Amino acid sequence: MTHAEDHKRGRLQPLPADRNPELKPAFDKSITSLGFIPNSMLILQYRPEIMVAFSQLTGSLWGPSSTVDNGLKRLIAFVASRSAGCQYCMAHTAGGALYFGISEEKLEAVWSFETSSLYNEAERAALTLAIAAAAVPNCATDEMFDDMRGHWSEEQIVEIVATVAVFGFLNRWNDTMSTPLEEKPMEVGSTLLAKHRWTPGKHVTK
């Protein structure tokens, strides 16, 4: 097999969901929160203990103790992933935002959230920080945190920054692994993001 052929099929193949029965609770949570099991998780299960730890971390972000809207956190993850250049995560987070109740109109407006009337000042502060925090090198400033404190509690700020940080892992993971996109996020990307020059790139399933 040539290097080009290997690249087209993904760098590691997703394992079957029943490969590690102890991971079923984590996969069930993913089905509940996304409607499917991401290929990123199916690849991560080559090391089940890492998969378990990752599931616990993400569960703390999306779980019932959260005080930041899950739809907004998906938008935060979206702009962070766009800043990092991860096409896989952009499609996933856009689909996740819709799944958690963000309208298509508001998702479309995230490309210009700084001026869109669909976003309030608290949301703008969070999205601005997310973009800066995801940049390399990091561009977060004290002024951004001053702005955040005007809208969010310290606990919420930790949750928002943790969302960016978790997707920092996912951006690196999926870009490096060339994780193949699943049907649902591929459809979201093709119908809602392509007009903004999004492409699936190396994440097309071959």
C-alpha atoms as a PDB file:
ATOM      1  CA  MET A   1       0.000   0.000   0.000  1.00  0.00           C
ATOM      2  CA  THR A   2       1.335   3.429  -0.927  1.00  0.00           C
ATOM      3  CA  HIS A   3       1.486   6.358   1.493  1.00  0.00           C
ATOM      4  CA  ALA A   4      -1.252   8.123  -0.481  1.00  0.00           C
ATOM      5  CA  GLU A   5      -3.544   5.088  -0.296  1.00  0.00           C
ATOM      6  CA  ASP A   6      -2.934   4.766   3.443  1.00  0.00           C
ATOM      7  CA  HIS A   7      -3.760   8.444   3.930  1.00  0.00           C
ATOM      8  CA  LYS A   8      -7.081   8.049   2.107  1.00  0.00           C
ATOM      9  CA  ARG A   9      -8.213   5.247   4.389  1.00  0.00           C
ATOM     10  CA  GLY A  10      -7.261   7.039   7.606  1.00  0.00           C
ATOM     11  CA  ARG A  11      -4.121   6.525   9.626  1.00  0.00           C
ATOM     12  CA  LEU A  12      -5.712   4.084  12.075  1.00  0.00           C
ATOM     13  CA  GLN A  13      -8.982   2.315  11.440  1.00  0.00           C
ATOM     14  CA  PRO A  14     -11.895   2.803  13.895  1.00  0.00           C
ATOM     15  CA  LEU A  15     -12.414  -0.336  15.942  1.00  0.00           C
ATOM     16  CA  PRO A  16     -15.866  -1.937  16.282  1.00  0.00           C
ATOM     17  CA  ALA A  17     -17.897  -0.508  19.149  1.00  0.00           C
ATOM     18  CA  ASP A  18     -18.156  -3.922  20.780  1.00  0.00           C
ATOM     19  CA  ARG A  19     -14.372  -4.479  20.774  1.00  0.00           C
ATOM     20  CA  ASN A  20     -14.079  -3.452  24.439  1.00  0.00           C
ATOM     21  CA  PRO A  21     -17.313  -4.206  26.341  1.00  0.00           C
ATOM     22  CA  GLU A  22     -16.167  -2.109  29.311  1.00  0.00           C
ATOM     23  CA  LEU A  23     -16.458   0.985  27.121  1.00  0.00           C
ATOM     24  CA  LYS A  24     -20.171   0.514  26.422  1.00  0.00           C
ATOM     25  CA  PRO A  25     -21.270   3.103  29.060  1.00  0.00           C
ATOM     26  CA  ALA A  26     -19.029   5.720  27.448  1.00  0.00           C
ATOM     27  CA  PHE A  27     -20.328   4.897  23.989  1.00  0.00           C
ATOM     28  CA  ASP A  28     -23.926   4.967  25.246  1.00  0.00           C
ATOM     29  CA  LYS A  29     -23.333   8.482  26.590  1.00  0.00           C
ATOM     30  CA  SER A  30     -22.035   9.520  23.187  1.00  0.00           C
ATOM     31  CA  ILE A  31     -25.151   8.166  21.490  1.00  0.00           C
ATOM     32  CA  THR A  32     -27.271  10.139  23.963  1.00  0.00           C
ATOM     33  CA  SER A  33     -25.364  13.400  23.466  1.00  0.00           C
ATOM     34  CA  LEU A  34     -24.626  13.133  19.729  1.00  0.00           C
ATOM     35  CA  GLY A  35     -26.886  10.464  18.300  1.00  0.00           C
ATOM     36  CA  PHE A  36     -23.931   8.285  17.225  1.00  0.00           C
ATOM     37  CA  ILE A  37     -20.475   7.115  18.305  1.00  0.00           C
ATOM     38  CA  PRO A  38     -17.720   9.273  16.772  1.00  0.00           C
ATOM     39  CA  ASN A  39     -14.916   7.567  14.909  1.00  0.00           C
ATOM     40  CA  SER A  40     -12.520   9.555  17.090  1.00  0.00           C
ATOM     41  CA  MET A  41     -13.694   7.521  20.097  1.00  0.00           C
ATOM     42  CA  LEU A  42     -13.622   4.262  18.160  1.00  0.00           C
ATOM     43  CA  ILE A  43      -9.971   4.922  17.337  1.00  0.00           C
ATOM     44  CA  LEU A  44      -9.123   6.085  20.841  1.00  0.00           C
ATOM     45  CA  GLN A  45     -10.236   2.700  22.197  1.00  0.00           C
ATOM     46  CA  TYR A  46      -6.973   1.156  21.004  1.00  0.00           C
ATOM     47  CA  ARG A  47      -6.021   2.336  24.514  1.00  0.00           C
ATOM     48  CA  PRO A  48      -9.213   1.694  26.529  1.00  0.00           C
ATOM     49  CA  GLU A  49      -7.918   3.379  29.688  1.00  0.00           C
ATOM     50  CA  ILE A  50      -7.367   6.619  27.771  1.00  0.00           C
ATOM     51  CA  MET A  51     -10.853   6.308  26.316  1.00  0.00           C
ATOM     52  CA  VAL A  52     -12.328   5.919  29.824  1.00  0.00           C
ATOM     53  CA  ALA A  53     -10.447   8.938  31.149  1.00  0.00           C
ATOM     54  CA  PHE A  54     -11.448  11.029  28.143  1.00  0.00           C
ATOM     55  CA  SER A  55     -15.092  10.053  28.565  1.00  0.00           C
ATOM     56  CA  GLN A  56     -15.013  11.088  32.213  1.00  0.00           C
ATOM     57  CA  LEU A  57     -13.527  14.456  31.306  1.00  0.00           C
ATOM     58  CA  THR A  58     -16.025  15.201  28.551  1.00  0.00           C
ATOM     59  CA  GLY A  59     -18.857  13.933  30.731  1.00  0.00           C
ATOM     60  CA  SER A  60     -17.994  16.606  33.282  1.00  0.00           C
ATOM     61  CA  LEU A  61     -18.397  19.252  30.560  1.00  0.00           C
ATOM     62  CA  TRP A  62     -21.739  18.091  29.160  1.00  0.00           C
ATOM     63  CA  GLY A  63     -23.236  16.650  32.349  1.00  0.00           C
ATOM     64  CA  PRO A  64     -26.070  17.934  34.570  1.00  0.00           C
ATOM     65  CA  SER A  65     -23.757  19.986  36.796  1.00  0.00           C
ATOM     66  CA  SER A  66     -22.932  22.303  33.892  1.00  0.00           C
ATOM     67  CA  THR A  67     -24.111  25.917  34.218  1.00  0.00           C
ATOM     68  CA  VAL A  68     -23.102  26.962  30.701  1.00  0.00           C
ATOM     69  CA  ASP A  69     -25.567  26.118  27.934  1.00  0.00           C
ATOM     70  CA  ASN A  70     -24.448  23.033  26.011  1.00  0.00           C
ATOM     71  CA  GLY A  71     -25.406  24.607  22.693  1.00  0.00           C
ATOM     72  CA  LEU A  72     -23.208  27.619  23.404  1.00  0.00           C
ATOM     73  CA  LYS A  73     -20.351  25.339  24.449  1.00  0.00           C
ATOM     74  CA  ARG A  74     -20.608  23.608  21.084  1.00  0.00           C
ATOM     75  CA  LEU A  75     -20.329  27.007  19.409  1.00  0.00           C
ATOM     76  CA  ILE A  76     -17.343  27.776  21.630  1.00  0.00           C
ATOM     77  CA  ALA A  77     -15.815  24.491  20.501  1.00  0.00           C
ATOM     78  CA  PHE A  78     -16.658  25.328  16.894  1.00  0.00           C
ATOM     79  CA  VAL A  79     -14.836  28.674  16.829  1.00  0.00           C
ATOM     80  CA  ALA A  80     -11.916  27.136  18.726  1.00  0.00           C
ATOM     81  CA  SER A  81     -11.722  24.304  16.189  1.00  0.00           C
ATOM     82  CA  ARG A  82     -11.928  26.790  13.330  1.00  0.00           C
ATOM     83  CA  SER A  83      -9.057  28.729  14.903  1.00  0.00           C
ATOM     84  CA  ALA A  84      -7.069  25.483  15.122  1.00  0.00           C
ATOM     85  CA  GLY A  85      -8.025  24.483  11.565  1.00  0.00           C
ATOM     86  CA  CYS A  86      -9.624  21.122  12.415  1.00  0.00           C
ATOM     87  CA  GLN A  87     -12.241  20.356   9.755  1.00  0.00           C
ATOM     88  CA  TYR A  88     -13.403  17.201  11.530  1.00  0.00           C
ATOM     89  CA  CYS A  89     -14.149  19.037  14.774  1.00  0.00           C
ATOM     90  CA  MET A  90     -15.781  21.954  12.971  1.00  0.00           C
ATOM     91  CA  ALA A  91     -18.315  19.608  11.397  1.00  0.00           C
ATOM     92  CA  HIS A  92     -18.869  17.796  14.688  1.00  0.00           C
ATOM     93  CA  THR A  93     -19.342  20.912  16.791  1.00  0.00           C
ATOM     94  CA  ALA A  94     -21.639  22.546  14.243  1.00  0.00           C
ATOM     95  CA  GLY A  95     -23.798  19.428  14.283  1.00  0.00           C
ATOM     96  CA  GLY A  96     -23.603  19.323  18.070  1.00  0.00           C
ATOM     97  CA  ALA A  97     -24.758  22.921  18.327  1.00  0.00           C
ATOM     98  CA  LEU A  98     -27.832  22.079  16.266  1.00  0.00           C
ATOM     99  CA  TYR A  99     -28.414  18.946  18.349  1.00  0.00           C
ATOM    100  CA  PHE A 100     -28.406  21.036  21.530  1.00  0.00           C
ATOM    101  CA  GLY A 101     -30.927  23.535  20.213  1.00  0.00           C
ATOM    102  CA  ILE A 102     -28.946  26.219  18.378  1.00  0.00           C
ATOM    103  CA  SER A 103     -30.898  27.335  15.309  1.00  0.00           C
ATOM    104  CA  GLU A 104     -29.421  27.120  11.824  1.00  0.00           C
ATOM    105  CA  GLU A 105     -29.714  30.913  11.655  1.00  0.00           C
ATOM    106  CA  LYS A 106     -27.622  31.376  14.794  1.00  0.00           C
ATOM    107  CA  LEU A 107     -25.097  28.782  13.641  1.00  0.00           C
ATOM    108  CA  GLU A 108     -24.730  30.647  10.354  1.00  0.00           C
ATOM    109  CA  ALA A 109     -24.263  33.905  12.262  1.00  0.00           C
ATOM    110  CA  VAL A 110     -21.372  32.499  14.325  1.00  0.00           C
ATOM    111  CA  TRP A 111     -19.073  33.484  11.454  1.00  0.00           C
ATOM    112  CA  SER A 112     -19.831  37.119  12.329  1.00  0.00           C
ATOM    113  CA  PHE A 113     -20.798  36.816  15.999  1.00  0.00           C
ATOM    114  CA  GLU A 114     -18.967  40.050  16.842  1.00  0.00           C
ATOM    115  CA  THR A 115     -21.675  42.080  15.085  1.00  0.00           C
ATOM    116  CA  SER A 116     -24.643  39.714  14.794  1.00  0.00           C
ATOM    117  CA  SER A 117     -27.762  40.686  16.750  1.00  0.00           C
ATOM    118  CA  LEU A 118     -28.311  36.978  17.434  1.00  0.00           C
ATOM    119  CA  TYR A 119     -25.436  37.031  19.935  1.00  0.00           C
ATOM    120  CA  ASN A 120     -25.424  38.866  23.250  1.00  0.00           C
ATOM    121  CA  GLU A 121     -22.410  40.393  24.964  1.00  0.00           C
ATOM    122  CA  ALA A 122     -21.828  37.378  27.219  1.00  0.00           C
ATOM    123  CA  GLU A 123     -21.722  35.047  24.224  1.00  0.00           C
ATOM    124  CA  ARG A 124     -19.422  37.387  22.315  1.00  0.00           C
ATOM    125  CA  ALA A 125     -17.008  37.515  25.258  1.00  0.00           C
ATOM    126  CA  ALA A 126     -16.911  33.709  25.467  1.00  0.00           C
ATOM    127  CA  LEU A 127     -16.441  33.207  21.735  1.00  0.00           C
ATOM    128  CA  THR A 128     -13.744  35.876  21.531  1.00  0.00           C
ATOM    129  CA  LEU A 129     -11.813  34.211  24.338  1.00  0.00           C
ATOM    130  CA  ALA A 130     -12.246  30.791  22.709  1.00  0.00           C
ATOM    131  CA  ILE A 131     -10.684  31.944  19.456  1.00  0.00           C
ATOM    132  CA  ALA A 132      -7.755  33.550  21.266  1.00  0.00           C
ATOM    133  CA  ALA A 133      -7.234  30.557  23.559  1.00  0.00           C
ATOM    134  CA  ALA A 134      -7.188  28.130  20.622  1.00  0.00           C
ATOM    135  CA  ALA A 135      -4.675  30.158  18.626  1.00  0.00           C
ATOM    136  CA  VAL A 136      -1.018  29.143  18.444  1.00  0.00           C
ATOM    137  CA  PRO A 137       0.631  30.946  20.082  1.00  0.00           C
ATOM    138  CA  ASN A 138      -2.109  31.598  22.636  1.00  0.00           C
ATOM    139  CA  CYS A 139      -3.624  35.073  22.277  1.00  0.00           C
ATOM    140  CA  ALA A 140      -5.809  35.263  25.422  1.00  0.00           C
ATOM    141  CA  THR A 141      -5.414  38.552  27.281  1.00  0.00           C
ATOM    142  CA  ASP A 142      -6.177  39.967  30.724  1.00  0.00           C
ATOM    143  CA  GLU A 143      -8.666  42.294  29.036  1.00  0.00           C
ATOM    144  CA  MET A 144     -10.590  39.316  27.694  1.00  0.00           C
ATOM    145  CA  PHE A 145     -10.832  37.896  31.202  1.00  0.00           C
ATOM    146  CA  ASP A 146     -11.988  41.265  32.526  1.00  0.00           C
ATOM    147  CA  ASP A 147     -14.740  41.179  29.915  1.00  0.00           C
ATOM    148  CA  MET A 148     -15.604  37.585  30.840  1.00  0.00           C
ATOM    149  CA  ARG A 149     -15.954  38.475  34.529  1.00  0.00           C
ATOM    150  CA  GLY A 150     -18.606  41.007  33.587  1.00  0.00           C
ATOM    151  CA  HIS A 151     -20.847  38.199  32.294  1.00  0.00           C
ATOM    152  CA  TRP A 152     -19.728  34.877  33.745  1.00  0.00           C
ATOM    153  CA  SER A 153     -18.934  33.461  37.184  1.00  0.00           C
ATOM    154  CA  GLU A 154     -15.466  32.080  37.870  1.00  0.00           C
ATOM    155  CA  GLU A 155     -16.889  28.556  37.769  1.00  0.00           C
ATOM    156  CA  GLN A 156     -18.400  29.239  34.352  1.00  0.00           C
ATOM    157  CA  ILE A 157     -15.148  30.732  33.081  1.00  0.00           C
ATOM    158  CA  VAL A 158     -13.358  27.519  34.102  1.00  0.00           C
ATOM    159  CA  GLU A 159     -15.977  25.478  32.233  1.00  0.00           C
ATOM    160  CA  ILE A 160     -15.661  27.618  29.107  1.00  0.00           C
ATOM    161  CA  VAL A 161     -11.858  27.458  29.061  1.00  0.00           C
ATOM    162  CA  ALA A 162     -12.008  23.716  29.780  1.00  0.00           C
ATOM    163  CA  THR A 163     -14.220  23.316  26.709  1.00  0.00           C
ATOM    164  CA  VAL A 164     -11.597  25.028  24.565  1.00  0.00           C
ATOM    165  CA  ALA A 165      -8.848  22.924  26.126  1.00  0.00           C
ATOM    166  CA  VAL A 166     -10.684  19.627  25.586  1.00  0.00           C
ATOM    167  CA  PHE A 167     -11.175  20.511  21.948  1.00  0.00           C
ATOM    168  CA  GLY A 168      -7.515  21.401  21.768  1.00  0.00           C
ATOM    169  CA  PHE A 169      -6.916  17.702  22.411  1.00  0.00           C
ATOM    170  CA  LEU A 170      -9.578  16.687  19.883  1.00  0.00           C
ATOM    171  CA  ASN A 171      -8.276  19.088  17.247  1.00  0.00           C
ATOM    172  CA  ARG A 172      -4.788  17.598  17.526  1.00  0.00           C
ATOM    173  CA  TRP A 173      -6.114  14.038  17.719  1.00  0.00           C
ATOM    174  CA  ASN A 174      -8.416  14.166  14.708  1.00  0.00           C
ATOM    175  CA  ASP A 175      -6.145  16.217  12.489  1.00  0.00           C
ATOM    176  CA  THR A 176      -3.222  13.911  13.223  1.00  0.00           C
ATOM    177  CA  MET A 177      -5.228  10.703  12.812  1.00  0.00           C
ATOM    178  CA  SER A 178      -7.121  11.930   9.717  1.00  0.00           C
ATOM    179  CA  THR A 179     -10.230  10.607  11.478  1.00  0.00           C
ATOM    180  CA  PRO A 180     -12.906   9.785   8.873  1.00  0.00           C
ATOM    181  CA  LEU A 181     -16.042  11.889   9.193  1.00  0.00           C
ATOM    182  CA  GLU A 182     -19.306  10.141   9.959  1.00  0.00           C
ATOM    183  CA  GLU A 183     -22.474  10.633   7.911  1.00  0.00           C
ATOM    184  CA  LYS A 184     -24.240  13.168  10.136  1.00  0.00           C
ATOM    185  CA  PRO A 185     -21.402  15.682  10.595  1.00  0.00           C
ATOM    186  CA  MET A 186     -20.421  15.251   6.942  1.00  0.00           C
ATOM    187  CA  GLU A 187     -23.937  16.315   5.960  1.00  0.00           C
ATOM    188  CA  VAL A 188     -23.799  19.329   8.294  1.00  0.00           C
ATOM    189  CA  GLY A 189     -20.451  20.359   6.884  1.00  0.00           C
ATOM    190  CA  SER A 190     -21.532  19.921   3.288  1.00  0.00           C
ATOM    191  CA  THR A 191     -24.850  21.758   3.652  1.00  0.00           C
ATOM    192  CA  LEU A 192     -24.071  24.489   6.204  1.00  0.00           C
ATOM    193  CA  LEU A 193     -20.312  25.036   6.320  1.00  0.00           C
ATOM    194  CA  ALA A 194     -19.156  24.522   2.734  1.00  0.00           C
ATOM    195  CA  LYS A 195     -20.294  28.024   1.745  1.00  0.00           C
ATOM    196  CA  HIS A 196     -17.607  29.307   4.134  1.00  0.00           C
ATOM    197  CA  ARG A 197     -14.911  27.270   2.373  1.00  0.00           C
ATOM    198  CA  TRP A 198     -15.131  24.298   4.730  1.00  0.00           C
ATOM    199  CA  THR A 199     -14.094  21.030   3.118  1.00  0.00           C
ATOM    200  CA  PRO A 200     -13.815  17.537   4.613  1.00  0.00           C
ATOM    201  CA  GLY A 201     -10.274  17.309   3.264  1.00  0.00           C
ATOM    202  CA  LYS A 202      -8.438  14.290   4.619  1.00  0.00           C
ATOM    203  CA  HIS A 203     -11.461  13.236   6.688  1.00  0.00           C
ATOM    204  CA  VAL A 204     -13.369  11.764   3.728  1.00  0.00           C
ATOM    205  CA  THR A 205     -14.107   8.076   4.149  1.00  0.00           C
ATOM    206  CA  LYS A 206     -12.583   6.034   1.329  1.00  0.00           C
END
